[in-house]
C-alpha cells in the first residue's frame, strides 16, 4: 500500500487455461482433454479474448481506483 501513494498500483491477473497454440495439443487429444481442469460453472476453457479484457481494464484509466487485488478469470475453476 505504500506504493499506491506514489502512483504505483499493485494488481495481479490470474487467468485460467486458455485455448491457444500452446494448449491445442492437450485440448485436441481426447485422452488428455479429460485431464484439463475446466470450471464447474462453464465447463470449458477460455478463449484468449475473454481473458484480455481484464488486462486491458487493469491497464486503463478506468482502474485508477483499483489496487492491491488479485483478479481471477478462470470460469470458476478455482471454486472446485
Protein backbone atom coordinates (compact mmCIF):
# COMPACT_ATOMS: atom_id res chain seq x y z
CA UNK A 1 0.00 0.00 0.00
CA UNK A 2 2.93 2.39 0.45
CA UNK A 3 3.50 2.33 -3.30
CA UNK A 4 -0.08 3.39 -4.12
CA UNK A 5 0.65 6.84 -2.70
CA UNK A 6 3.44 7.10 -5.26
CA UNK A 7 1.06 6.22 -8.12
CA UNK A 8 2.10 2.56 -8.35
CA UNK A 9 -0.79 0.11 -8.34
CA UNK A 10 -0.14 -3.48 -7.31
CA UNK A 11 -2.63 -5.75 -9.05
CA UNK A 12 -2.29 -9.32 -10.25
CA UNK A 13 -4.06 -11.12 -13.07
CA UNK A 14 -4.65 -14.85 -12.53
CA UNK A 15 -6.02 -16.41 -15.73
CA UNK A 16 -7.36 -19.89 -16.15
CA UNK A 17 -6.42 -22.16 -19.01
CA UNK A 18 -6.94 -20.58 -22.44
CA UNK A 19 -7.26 -22.18 -25.84
CA UNK A 20 -4.05 -21.14 -27.60
CA UNK A 21 -1.47 -22.63 -29.93
CA UNK A 22 0.43 -23.83 -26.85
CA UNK A 23 -2.57 -25.71 -25.40
CA UNK A 24 -4.07 -27.14 -28.61
CA UNK A 25 -2.03 -30.34 -28.27
CA UNK A 26 -3.72 -31.04 -24.91
CA UNK A 27 -7.15 -29.91 -25.97
CA UNK A 28 -7.20 -31.77 -29.30
CA UNK A 29 -6.23 -35.09 -27.69
CA UNK A 30 -9.43 -36.51 -26.18
CA UNK A 31 -7.48 -38.66 -23.71
CA UNK A 32 -5.63 -35.59 -22.42
CA UNK A 33 -8.63 -33.26 -22.61
CA UNK A 34 -10.24 -35.11 -19.71
CA UNK A 35 -7.23 -34.20 -17.57
CA UNK A 36 -7.56 -30.50 -18.32
CA UNK A 37 -9.47 -28.84 -15.49
CA UNK A 38 -12.46 -26.80 -16.52
CA UNK A 39 -14.50 -24.53 -14.30
CA UNK A 40 -17.58 -26.22 -12.87
CA UNK A 41 -19.76 -23.29 -13.91
CA UNK A 42 -18.71 -23.01 -17.56
CA UNK A 43 -17.24 -26.48 -18.30
CA UNK A 44 -14.82 -25.16 -20.91
CA UNK A 45 -11.52 -23.39 -21.29
CA UNK A 46 -11.32 -19.70 -22.10
CA UNK A 47 -10.77 -18.03 -25.42
CA UNK A 48 -7.88 -15.52 -25.23
CA UNK A 49 -10.18 -12.60 -25.97
CA UNK A 50 -12.18 -13.47 -22.84
CA UNK A 51 -9.07 -13.09 -20.68
CA UNK A 52 -7.55 -10.00 -22.24
CA UNK A 53 -10.41 -7.74 -21.17
CA UNK A 54 -9.25 -7.87 -17.54
CA UNK A 55 -5.69 -6.98 -18.57
CA UNK A 56 -6.97 -4.09 -20.66
CA UNK A 57 -9.13 -2.90 -17.76
CA UNK A 58 -6.24 -3.01 -15.28
CA UNK A 59 -4.01 -1.14 -17.73
CA UNK A 60 -6.61 1.53 -18.43
CA UNK A 61 -7.53 4.74 -16.60
CA UNK A 62 -10.82 3.05 -15.63
CA UNK A 63 -8.93 1.13 -12.94
CA UNK A 64 -7.39 4.22 -11.34
CA UNK A 65 -9.05 3.43 -8.00
CA UNK A 66 -8.23 -0.30 -8.10
CA UNK A 67 -5.18 -1.51 -6.21
CA UNK A 68 -3.90 -4.45 -4.17
CA UNK A 69 -6.04 -7.10 -5.81
CA UNK A 70 -5.74 -10.47 -7.46
CA UNK A 71 -8.20 -10.80 -10.31
CA UNK A 72 -9.04 -14.41 -11.14
CA UNK A 73 -10.57 -15.02 -14.57
CA UNK A 74 -10.89 -18.79 -14.78
CA UNK A 75 -14.53 -19.64 -15.43
CA UNK A 76 -15.00 -20.85 -11.88
CA UNK A 77 -12.12 -23.35 -11.92
CA UNK A 78 -10.79 -22.23 -8.53
CA UNK A 79 -14.18 -22.74 -6.88
CA UNK A 80 -13.91 -26.52 -7.26
